[in-house]
Amino acid sequence: MDWMLEELASSVPQTRNVVVLSSDGLCMAQFGTEKDTADRLAAACAGLQSLSAAVGTEFPQGDGKMKLVVIEVDGGFFYLMAAGAGAYLAVLADDDVDAGLIGQRMRDLVARIGQHLTSPPRADRQVP
């Protein structure tokens, strides 16, 4: 999966980091970032997707499922997109990134590999 994340990052100038994570905040794959940074980003994303799902339940015709979160801060953008059952794609980009292009490339990647990004819930293990 690494080459696909690299392809996303290289196809959109000003893309910094790309992370695939599970809904419980575990980093599944990364490009352009150190492991510790990717782990912190994945953990933060788990909270964001949970908050966005809570907000989504306020829409009467909605199903409460998060599709896309975009956050703009001084210095850049953060994108979090649902990428399969229990999996998400996160991207950090500089403030002069082409926002439409990064969104399109993220959707394209999710469409290509979304079913492979499924992260089934972890089974409870009983300790003897």
N, C-alpha and C. Protein backbone atom coordinates (compact mmCIF):
# COMPACT_ATOMS: atom_id res chain seq x y z
N MET A 1 0.82 -1.19 0.00
CA MET A 1 0.00 0.00 0.00
C MET A 1 0.87 1.26 0.00
N ASP A 2 2.11 1.13 0.43
CA ASP A 2 2.98 2.30 0.54
C ASP A 2 3.11 3.06 -0.78
N TRP A 3 3.25 2.33 -1.89
CA TRP A 3 3.43 3.01 -3.17
C TRP A 3 2.19 3.80 -3.56
N MET A 4 1.01 3.35 -3.16
CA MET A 4 -0.21 4.09 -3.47
C MET A 4 -0.30 5.38 -2.65
N LEU A 5 0.15 5.32 -1.41
CA LEU A 5 0.18 6.53 -0.59
C LEU A 5 1.22 7.51 -1.13
N GLU A 6 2.35 6.98 -1.56
CA GLU A 6 3.38 7.82 -2.16
C GLU A 6 2.86 8.47 -3.43
N GLU A 7 2.12 7.71 -4.23
CA GLU A 7 1.54 8.24 -5.47
C GLU A 7 0.59 9.40 -5.17
N LEU A 8 -0.23 9.25 -4.14
CA LEU A 8 -1.13 10.34 -3.74
C LEU A 8 -0.32 11.58 -3.37
N ALA A 9 0.67 11.40 -2.52
CA ALA A 9 1.48 12.54 -2.06
C ALA A 9 2.23 13.21 -3.21
N SER A 10 2.77 12.42 -4.11
CA SER A 10 3.56 13.01 -5.19
C SER A 10 2.69 13.63 -6.29
N SER A 11 1.44 13.23 -6.37
CA SER A 11 0.57 13.77 -7.42
C SER A 11 -0.05 15.11 -7.05
N VAL A 12 0.06 15.49 -5.78
CA VAL A 12 -0.49 16.77 -5.33
C VAL A 12 0.63 17.55 -4.62
N PRO A 13 1.16 18.58 -5.29
CA PRO A 13 2.21 19.37 -4.65
C PRO A 13 1.74 19.95 -3.31
N GLN A 14 2.65 20.05 -2.38
CA GLN A 14 2.43 20.58 -1.04
C GLN A 14 1.80 19.58 -0.07
N THR A 15 1.68 18.31 -0.49
CA THR A 15 1.19 17.27 0.43
C THR A 15 2.34 16.87 1.33
N ARG A 16 2.10 16.83 2.63
CA ARG A 16 3.15 16.52 3.60
C ARG A 16 3.11 15.07 4.06
N ASN A 17 1.98 14.66 4.64
CA ASN A 17 1.88 13.35 5.26
C ASN A 17 0.60 12.66 4.82
N VAL A 18 0.68 11.35 4.66
CA VAL A 18 -0.48 10.53 4.33
C VAL A 18 -0.48 9.35 5.29
N VAL A 19 -1.63 9.13 5.94
CA VAL A 19 -1.74 8.06 6.93
C VAL A 19 -3.06 7.33 6.71
N VAL A 20 -3.01 6.01 6.76
CA VAL A 20 -4.21 5.19 6.79
C VAL A 20 -4.32 4.65 8.20
N LEU A 21 -5.53 4.77 8.79
CA LEU A 21 -5.71 4.37 10.17
C LEU A 21 -7.00 3.60 10.35
N SER A 22 -7.07 2.85 11.44
CA SER A 22 -8.29 2.16 11.81
C SER A 22 -9.15 3.10 12.63
N SER A 23 -10.43 2.76 12.78
CA SER A 23 -11.34 3.63 13.52
C SER A 23 -10.96 3.77 14.99
N ASP A 24 -10.18 2.83 15.51
CA ASP A 24 -9.75 2.95 16.90
C ASP A 24 -8.39 3.61 17.04
N GLY A 25 -7.90 4.22 15.96
CA GLY A 25 -6.70 5.06 16.05
C GLY A 25 -5.37 4.36 15.84
N LEU A 26 -5.38 3.19 15.24
CA LEU A 26 -4.11 2.50 14.95
C LEU A 26 -3.64 2.81 13.54
N CYS A 27 -2.40 3.21 13.41
CA CYS A 27 -1.81 3.50 12.10
C CYS A 27 -1.64 2.18 11.35
N MET A 28 -2.22 2.11 10.16
CA MET A 28 -2.13 0.91 9.33
C MET A 28 -1.07 1.06 8.23
N ALA A 29 -0.86 2.29 7.75
CA ALA A 29 0.13 2.58 6.71
C ALA A 29 0.41 4.07 6.76
N GLN A 30 1.57 4.46 6.21
CA GLN A 30 1.96 5.86 6.25
C GLN A 30 2.92 6.18 5.13
N PHE A 31 2.96 7.46 4.77
CA PHE A 31 3.96 7.95 3.83
C PHE A 31 4.30 9.39 4.21
N GLY A 32 5.57 9.71 4.19
CA GLY A 32 6.03 11.07 4.41
C GLY A 32 6.11 11.50 5.86
N THR A 33 6.06 10.55 6.76
CA THR A 33 6.09 10.89 8.18
C THR A 33 6.81 9.81 8.97
N GLU A 34 7.31 10.19 10.12
CA GLU A 34 7.93 9.21 11.01
C GLU A 34 6.84 8.43 11.73
N LYS A 35 7.18 7.26 12.21
CA LYS A 35 6.20 6.39 12.85
C LYS A 35 5.53 7.05 14.05
N ASP A 36 6.30 7.73 14.90
CA ASP A 36 5.71 8.38 16.07
C ASP A 36 4.70 9.45 15.67
N THR A 37 5.03 10.22 14.65
CA THR A 37 4.12 11.25 14.16
C THR A 37 2.87 10.62 13.58
N ALA A 38 3.03 9.57 12.80
CA ALA A 38 1.88 8.87 12.21
C ALA A 38 0.99 8.29 13.30
N ASP A 39 1.58 7.74 14.35
CA ASP A 39 0.80 7.18 15.46
C ASP A 39 0.01 8.27 16.18
N ARG A 40 0.63 9.43 16.41
CA ARG A 40 -0.08 10.54 17.06
C ARG A 40 -1.22 11.04 16.19
N LEU A 41 -0.95 11.16 14.90
CA LEU A 41 -1.98 11.62 13.96
C LEU A 41 -3.14 10.62 13.91
N ALA A 42 -2.83 9.34 13.87
CA ALA A 42 -3.88 8.31 13.84
C ALA A 42 -4.74 8.36 15.10
N ALA A 43 -4.12 8.55 16.24
CA ALA A 43 -4.88 8.62 17.50
C ALA A 43 -5.79 9.85 17.51
N ALA A 44 -5.28 10.99 17.05
CA ALA A 44 -6.10 12.20 16.99
C ALA A 44 -7.26 12.03 16.02
N CYS A 45 -7.01 11.35 14.91
CA CYS A 45 -8.06 11.12 13.91
C CYS A 45 -9.19 10.27 14.45
N ALA A 46 -8.88 9.33 15.29
CA ALA A 46 -9.93 8.49 15.89
C ALA A 46 -10.91 9.36 16.66
N GLY A 47 -10.40 10.33 17.39
CA GLY A 47 -11.27 11.24 18.12
C GLY A 47 -12.08 12.11 17.18
N LEU A 48 -11.45 12.60 16.12
CA LEU A 48 -12.16 13.45 15.16
C LEU A 48 -13.28 12.71 14.44
N GLN A 49 -13.02 11.48 14.05
CA GLN A 49 -14.08 10.75 13.35
C GLN A 49 -15.23 10.45 14.28
N SER A 50 -14.95 10.22 15.55
CA SER A 50 -16.01 9.99 16.52
C SER A 50 -16.84 11.26 16.72
N LEU A 51 -16.17 12.41 16.87
CA LEU A 51 -16.88 13.68 17.02
C LEU A 51 -17.72 14.00 15.78
N SER A 52 -17.16 13.77 14.61
CA SER A 52 -17.91 14.09 13.39
C SER A 52 -19.12 13.18 13.23
N ALA A 53 -19.00 11.93 13.66
CA ALA A 53 -20.16 11.03 13.61
C ALA A 53 -21.25 11.51 14.57
N ALA A 54 -20.85 12.02 15.73
CA ALA A 54 -21.82 12.55 16.70
C ALA A 54 -22.55 13.76 16.11
N VAL A 55 -21.82 14.65 15.45
CA VAL A 55 -22.44 15.80 14.80
C VAL A 55 -23.36 15.32 13.67
N GLY A 56 -22.93 14.31 12.95
CA GLY A 56 -23.71 13.78 11.83
C GLY A 56 -25.08 13.27 12.23
N THR A 57 -25.22 12.82 13.45
CA THR A 57 -26.53 12.31 13.90
C THR A 57 -27.55 13.44 14.06
N GLU A 58 -27.09 14.69 14.03
CA GLU A 58 -28.00 15.83 14.14
C GLU A 58 -28.74 16.12 12.84
N PHE A 59 -28.35 15.49 11.76
CA PHE A 59 -29.03 15.66 10.48
C PHE A 59 -30.09 14.57 10.35
N PRO A 60 -31.37 14.96 10.31
CA PRO A 60 -32.45 13.96 10.35
C PRO A 60 -32.40 12.94 9.21
N GLN A 61 -31.96 13.35 8.03
CA GLN A 61 -31.90 12.42 6.91
C GLN A 61 -30.55 11.71 6.79
N GLY A 62 -29.62 12.05 7.64
CA GLY A 62 -28.29 11.46 7.58
C GLY A 62 -28.22 10.14 8.32
N ASP A 63 -27.15 9.42 8.07
CA ASP A 63 -26.95 8.14 8.76
C ASP A 63 -25.90 8.24 9.86
N GLY A 64 -25.35 9.44 10.06
CA GLY A 64 -24.36 9.64 11.12
C GLY A 64 -22.96 9.17 10.77
N LYS A 65 -22.76 8.71 9.55
CA LYS A 65 -21.43 8.24 9.15
C LYS A 65 -20.60 9.40 8.60
N MET A 66 -19.39 9.52 9.11
CA MET A 66 -18.48 10.56 8.66
C MET A 66 -17.93 10.20 7.28
N LYS A 67 -17.95 11.17 6.36
CA LYS A 67 -17.39 10.97 5.02
C LYS A 67 -16.09 11.75 4.85
N LEU A 68 -16.11 13.02 5.26
CA LEU A 68 -14.94 13.88 5.08
C LEU A 68 -14.94 14.98 6.12
N VAL A 69 -13.77 15.20 6.72
CA VAL A 69 -13.55 16.32 7.64
C VAL A 69 -12.36 17.09 7.08
N VAL A 70 -12.51 18.41 7.00
CA VAL A 70 -11.42 19.28 6.57
C VAL A 70 -11.22 20.33 7.64
N ILE A 71 -9.99 20.50 8.06
CA ILE A 71 -9.64 21.51 9.05
C ILE A 71 -8.55 22.38 8.45
N GLU A 72 -8.77 23.70 8.49
CA GLU A 72 -7.76 24.64 8.04
C GLU A 72 -7.18 25.33 9.25
N VAL A 73 -5.87 25.32 9.37
CA VAL A 73 -5.16 25.99 10.45
C VAL A 73 -4.08 26.87 9.83
N ASP A 74 -3.50 27.75 10.64
CA ASP A 74 -2.36 28.52 10.14
C ASP A 74 -1.29 27.54 9.68
N GLY A 75 -0.91 27.62 8.44
CA GLY A 75 0.15 26.77 7.92
C GLY A 75 -0.31 25.58 7.11
N GLY A 76 -1.62 25.28 7.11
CA GLY A 76 -2.01 24.14 6.30
C GLY A 76 -3.41 23.62 6.50
N PHE A 77 -3.63 22.47 5.90
CA PHE A 77 -4.92 21.81 5.92
C PHE A 77 -4.76 20.38 6.43
N PHE A 78 -5.83 19.91 7.03
CA PHE A 78 -5.93 18.51 7.45
C PHE A 78 -7.18 17.94 6.82
N TYR A 79 -7.07 16.76 6.21
CA TYR A 79 -8.19 16.07 5.59
C TYR A 79 -8.31 14.68 6.22
N LEU A 80 -9.52 14.29 6.55
CA LEU A 80 -9.80 12.96 7.06
C LEU A 80 -10.99 12.42 6.29
N MET A 81 -10.82 11.29 5.61
CA MET A 81 -11.86 10.72 4.76
C MET A 81 -12.09 9.26 5.13
N ALA A 82 -13.36 8.87 5.19
CA ALA A 82 -13.70 7.46 5.38
C ALA A 82 -13.15 6.69 4.19
N ALA A 83 -12.54 5.53 4.47
CA ALA A 83 -11.84 4.80 3.41
C ALA A 83 -12.16 3.32 3.40
N GLY A 84 -13.27 2.93 3.94
CA GLY A 84 -13.62 1.52 4.03
C GLY A 84 -14.19 1.26 5.41
N ALA A 85 -14.74 0.09 5.60
CA ALA A 85 -15.34 -0.23 6.90
C ALA A 85 -14.28 -0.19 7.99
N GLY A 86 -14.39 0.81 8.88
CA GLY A 86 -13.47 0.91 10.00
C GLY A 86 -12.10 1.44 9.65
N ALA A 87 -11.95 2.07 8.47
CA ALA A 87 -10.65 2.60 8.06
C ALA A 87 -10.80 4.02 7.54
N TYR A 88 -9.73 4.81 7.69
CA TYR A 88 -9.76 6.21 7.30
C TYR A 88 -8.45 6.60 6.65
N LEU A 89 -8.52 7.60 5.78
CA LEU A 89 -7.35 8.15 5.11
C LEU A 89 -7.18 9.59 5.60
N ALA A 90 -6.01 9.92 6.12
CA ALA A 90 -5.72 11.26 6.63
C ALA A 90 -4.56 11.86 5.85
N VAL A 91 -4.67 13.15 5.55
CA VAL A 91 -3.63 13.86 4.81
C VAL A 91 -3.39 15.21 5.47
N LEU A 92 -2.13 15.56 5.66
CA LEU A 92 -1.72 16.90 6.07
C LEU A 92 -1.07 17.56 4.86
N ALA A 93 -1.44 18.81 4.61
CA ALA A 93 -0.90 19.52 3.44
C ALA A 93 -0.62 20.97 3.81
N ASP A 94 0.31 21.58 3.09
CA ASP A 94 0.65 22.98 3.30
C ASP A 94 -0.52 23.87 2.90
N ASP A 95 -0.48 25.13 3.33
CA ASP A 95 -1.61 26.02 3.09
C ASP A 95 -1.82 26.42 1.64
N ASP A 96 -0.84 26.19 0.77
CA ASP A 96 -1.03 26.53 -0.64
C ASP A 96 -1.34 25.30 -1.50
N VAL A 97 -1.79 24.21 -0.86
CA VAL A 97 -2.18 23.01 -1.60
C VAL A 97 -3.44 23.31 -2.41
N ASP A 98 -3.62 22.63 -3.51
CA ASP A 98 -4.85 22.71 -4.29
C ASP A 98 -5.89 21.84 -3.59
N ALA A 99 -6.79 22.47 -2.83
CA ALA A 99 -7.74 21.74 -2.00
C ALA A 99 -8.65 20.83 -2.82
N GLY A 100 -9.07 21.27 -3.97
CA GLY A 100 -9.92 20.44 -4.81
C GLY A 100 -9.19 19.22 -5.33
N LEU A 101 -7.93 19.41 -5.71
CA LEU A 101 -7.14 18.31 -6.24
C LEU A 101 -6.86 17.26 -5.17
N ILE A 102 -6.52 17.69 -3.96
CA ILE A 102 -6.24 16.71 -2.91
C ILE A 102 -7.49 15.92 -2.58
N GLY A 103 -8.64 16.58 -2.52
CA GLY A 103 -9.90 15.87 -2.27
C GLY A 103 -10.20 14.85 -3.35
N GLN A 104 -9.98 15.24 -4.60
CA GLN A 104 -10.22 14.32 -5.73
C GLN A 104 -9.28 13.13 -5.67
N ARG A 105 -8.00 13.38 -5.42
CA ARG A 105 -7.02 12.28 -5.36
C ARG A 105 -7.32 11.33 -4.20
N MET A 106 -7.77 11.89 -3.08
CA MET A 106 -8.13 11.04 -1.94
C MET A 106 -9.33 10.17 -2.30
N ARG A 107 -10.36 10.75 -2.92
CA ARG A 107 -11.54 9.97 -3.35
C ARG A 107 -11.13 8.88 -4.33
N ASP A 108 -10.25 9.22 -5.27
CA ASP A 108 -9.79 8.23 -6.25
C ASP A 108 -9.09 7.06 -5.56
N LEU A 109 -8.21 7.37 -4.61
CA LEU A 109 -7.49 6.33 -3.89
C LEU A 109 -8.45 5.45 -3.10
N VAL A 110 -9.39 6.05 -2.41
CA VAL A 110 -10.36 5.28 -1.63
C VAL A 110 -11.19 4.39 -2.56
N ALA A 111 -11.59 4.92 -3.72
CA ALA A 111 -12.36 4.12 -4.67
C ALA A 111 -11.56 2.93 -5.19
N ARG A 112 -10.26 3.13 -5.40
CA ARG A 112 -9.40 2.06 -5.91
C ARG A 112 -9.13 0.98 -4.89
N ILE A 113 -8.91 1.37 -3.66
CA ILE A 113 -8.47 0.38 -2.68
C ILE A 113 -9.32 0.32 -1.43
N GLY A 114 -10.49 0.97 -1.45
CA GLY A 114 -11.33 1.03 -0.27
C GLY A 114 -11.65 -0.31 0.35
N GLN A 115 -12.00 -1.30 -0.48
CA GLN A 115 -12.36 -2.61 0.08
C GLN A 115 -11.16 -3.30 0.72
N HIS A 116 -9.96 -2.91 0.35
CA HIS A 116 -8.75 -3.49 0.94
C HIS A 116 -8.35 -2.77 2.23
N LEU A 117 -9.00 -1.63 2.50
CA LEU A 117 -8.67 -0.85 3.68
C LEU A 117 -9.57 -1.18 4.86
N THR A 118 -10.44 -2.15 4.70
CA THR A 118 -11.34 -2.51 5.79
C THR A 118 -10.55 -2.95 7.00
N SER A 119 -10.95 -2.44 8.14
CA SER A 119 -10.31 -2.79 9.40
C SER A 119 -11.36 -3.39 10.31
N PRO A 120 -11.48 -4.73 10.34
CA PRO A 120 -12.51 -5.35 11.17
C PRO A 120 -12.25 -5.08 12.66
N PRO A 121 -13.32 -5.07 13.46
CA PRO A 121 -13.12 -4.85 14.89
C PRO A 121 -12.25 -5.94 15.49
N ARG A 122 -11.44 -5.54 16.46
CA ARG A 122 -10.60 -6.54 17.12
C ARG A 122 -11.47 -7.38 18.06
N ALA A 123 -11.23 -8.66 18.04
CA ALA A 123 -12.00 -9.57 18.91
C ALA A 123 -11.46 -9.48 20.34
N ASP A 124 -12.40 -9.58 21.29
CA ASP A 124 -11.96 -9.60 22.68
C ASP A 124 -11.30 -10.93 22.95
N ARG A 125 -10.14 -10.86 23.55
CA ARG A 125 -9.42 -12.08 23.90
C ARG A 125 -9.51 -12.28 25.39
N GLN A 126 -9.80 -13.49 25.75
CA GLN A 126 -9.86 -13.79 27.18
C GLN A 126 -8.52 -14.38 27.61
N VAL A 127 -8.03 -13.85 28.69
CA VAL A 127 -6.76 -14.32 29.22
C VAL A 127 -7.05 -15.45 30.18
N PRO A 128 -6.37 -16.62 29.99
CA PRO A 128 -6.64 -17.77 30.88
C PRO A 128 -6.22 -17.52 32.31
